[in-house]
Amino acid sequence: MMNFGFGGFGLIFMILFWVLIIAGAVWLISRLFPQTTGSATPHSGGGHIDPCSSPEEILKRRYAQGEISTTEFQEMRQQLR
């Protein structure tokens, strides 16, 4: 008969060992390569823009984040209205 070492527990320990190795590898990869959410374009500041936001809300958010100046904000707001 097949003897896995510690009686019947050898098989259980072997399976547990490989499960822990695989889980550790998945955890390590997830830490090394974290997922980002949202659109991260260079001019958007890397923030997520809600697709349901109105253009004026997006403009206000960009102005609040400092992406555009006051003059640019006022000109763009006039164009939207």
C-alpha atoms as a PDB file:
ATOM      1  CA  MET A   1       0.000   0.000   0.000  1.00  0.00           C
ATOM      2  CA  MET A   2       0.986   3.627  -0.362  1.00  0.00           C
ATOM      3  CA  ASN A   3       2.420   5.271   2.697  1.00  0.00           C
ATOM      4  CA  PHE A   4       2.403   9.080   2.679  1.00  0.00           C
ATOM      5  CA  GLY A   5       4.575   9.503   5.716  1.00  0.00           C
ATOM      6  CA  PHE A   6       2.682  10.277   8.903  1.00  0.00           C
ATOM      7  CA  GLY A   7      -0.004   7.706   8.325  1.00  0.00           C
ATOM      8  CA  GLY A   8      -3.134   9.159   6.767  1.00  0.00           C
ATOM      9  CA  PHE A   9      -2.121  12.657   7.841  1.00  0.00           C
ATOM     10  CA  GLY A  10       0.739  12.784   5.305  1.00  0.00           C
ATOM     11  CA  LEU A  11      -1.654  13.335   2.417  1.00  0.00           C
ATOM     12  CA  ILE A  12      -3.539  16.030   4.359  1.00  0.00           C
ATOM     13  CA  PHE A  13      -0.293  17.814   5.246  1.00  0.00           C
ATOM     14  CA  MET A  14       0.893  17.640   1.631  1.00  0.00           C
ATOM     15  CA  ILE A  15      -2.350  19.161   0.335  1.00  0.00           C
ATOM     16  CA  LEU A  16      -2.319  21.815   3.062  1.00  0.00           C
ATOM     17  CA  PHE A  17       1.307  22.638   2.220  1.00  0.00           C
ATOM     18  CA  TRP A  18       0.529  23.239  -1.461  1.00  0.00           C
ATOM     19  CA  VAL A  19      -2.616  25.227  -0.682  1.00  0.00           C
ATOM     20  CA  LEU A  20      -0.551  27.512   1.568  1.00  0.00           C
ATOM     21  CA  ILE A  21       2.173  27.871  -1.093  1.00  0.00           C
ATOM     22  CA  ILE A  22      -0.376  28.819  -3.774  1.00  0.00           C
ATOM     23  CA  ALA A  23      -2.260  31.190  -1.448  1.00  0.00           C
ATOM     24  CA  GLY A  24       1.018  32.854  -0.476  1.00  0.00           C
ATOM     25  CA  ALA A  25       1.983  33.288  -4.133  1.00  0.00           C
ATOM     26  CA  VAL A  26      -1.399  34.841  -4.957  1.00  0.00           C
ATOM     27  CA  TRP A  27      -1.112  37.190  -1.964  1.00  0.00           C
ATOM     28  CA  LEU A  28       2.425  38.214  -2.949  1.00  0.00           C
ATOM     29  CA  ILE A  29       1.423  38.908  -6.551  1.00  0.00           C
ATOM     30  CA  SER A  30      -1.588  40.958  -5.423  1.00  0.00           C
ATOM     31  CA  ARG A  31       0.704  43.056  -3.198  1.00  0.00           C
ATOM     32  CA  LEU A  32       3.297  43.569  -5.929  1.00  0.00           C
ATOM     33  CA  PHE A  33       0.747  44.483  -8.614  1.00  0.00           C
ATOM     34  CA  PRO A  34      -2.210  46.270  -6.978  1.00  0.00           C
ATOM     35  CA  GLN A  35      -5.271  46.911  -9.091  1.00  0.00           C
ATOM     36  CA  THR A  36      -6.288  50.477  -9.766  1.00  0.00           C
ATOM     37  CA  THR A  37      -9.851  51.537 -10.328  1.00  0.00           C
ATOM     38  CA  GLY A  38     -11.115  54.282 -12.543  1.00  0.00           C
ATOM     39  CA  SER A  39      -9.525  55.967 -15.501  1.00  0.00           C
ATOM     40  CA  ALA A  40      -6.020  57.186 -14.921  1.00  0.00           C
ATOM     41  CA  THR A  41      -5.168  59.489 -17.798  1.00  0.00           C
ATOM     42  CA  PRO A  42      -2.290  61.958 -17.428  1.00  0.00           C
ATOM     43  CA  HIS A  43      -4.496  65.051 -17.656  1.00  0.00           C
ATOM     44  CA  SER A  44      -7.237  63.812 -15.329  1.00  0.00           C
ATOM     45  CA  GLY A  45      -5.064  63.650 -12.213  1.00  0.00           C
ATOM     46  CA  GLY A  46      -5.522  59.884 -11.991  1.00  0.00           C
ATOM     47  CA  GLY A  47      -8.924  60.286 -10.360  1.00  0.00           C
ATOM     48  CA  HIS A  48     -12.076  58.423 -11.190  1.00  0.00           C
ATOM     49  CA  ILE A  49     -14.736  60.407 -13.048  1.00  0.00           C
ATOM     50  CA  ASP A  50     -18.270  59.177 -12.569  1.00  0.00           C
ATOM     51  CA  PRO A  51     -19.836  58.608 -16.013  1.00  0.00           C
ATOM     52  CA  CYS A  52     -23.142  60.010 -14.688  1.00  0.00           C
ATOM     53  CA  SER A  53     -21.570  63.355 -13.723  1.00  0.00           C
ATOM     54  CA  SER A  54     -22.651  66.394 -15.674  1.00  0.00           C
ATOM     55  CA  PRO A  55     -19.989  68.321 -17.598  1.00  0.00           C
ATOM     56  CA  GLU A  56     -20.278  71.228 -15.157  1.00  0.00           C
ATOM     57  CA  GLU A  57     -19.705  68.924 -12.173  1.00  0.00           C
ATOM     58  CA  ILE A  58     -16.606  67.496 -13.868  1.00  0.00           C
ATOM     59  CA  LEU A  59     -15.388  71.038 -14.566  1.00  0.00           C
ATOM     60  CA  LYS A  60     -15.902  72.028 -10.927  1.00  0.00           C
ATOM     61  CA  ARG A  61     -14.032  68.931  -9.761  1.00  0.00           C
ATOM     62  CA  ARG A  62     -11.086  69.684 -12.064  1.00  0.00           C
ATOM     63  CA  TYR A  63     -10.977  73.277 -10.806  1.00  0.00           C
ATOM     64  CA  ALA A  64     -11.098  72.119  -7.176  1.00  0.00           C
ATOM     65  CA  GLN A  65      -8.223  69.705  -7.785  1.00  0.00           C
ATOM     66  CA  GLY A  66      -6.140  72.501  -9.291  1.00  0.00           C
ATOM     67  CA  GLU A  67      -5.978  71.024 -12.778  1.00  0.00           C
ATOM     68  CA  ILE A  68      -7.235  74.221 -14.407  1.00  0.00           C
ATOM     69  CA  SER A  69      -6.860  77.902 -13.555  1.00  0.00           C
ATOM     70  CA  THR A  70      -9.652  80.296 -12.615  1.00  0.00           C
ATOM     71  CA  THR A  71      -9.594  81.862 -16.080  1.00  0.00           C
ATOM     72  CA  GLU A  72      -9.834  78.472 -17.774  1.00  0.00           C
ATOM     73  CA  PHE A  73     -12.652  77.469 -15.418  1.00  0.00           C
ATOM     74  CA  GLN A  74     -14.681  80.602 -16.207  1.00  0.00           C
ATOM     75  CA  GLU A  75     -14.146  80.272 -19.964  1.00  0.00           C
ATOM     76  CA  MET A  76     -15.135  76.611 -20.003  1.00  0.00           C
ATOM     77  CA  ARG A  77     -18.179  77.259 -17.819  1.00  0.00           C
ATOM     78  CA  GLN A  78     -19.333  79.990 -20.237  1.00  0.00           C
ATOM     79  CA  GLN A  79     -18.937  77.586 -23.155  1.00  0.00           C
ATOM     80  CA  LEU A  80     -21.026  74.969 -21.380  1.00  0.00           C
ATOM     81  CA  ARG A  81     -23.900  77.350 -20.725  1.00  0.00           C
END
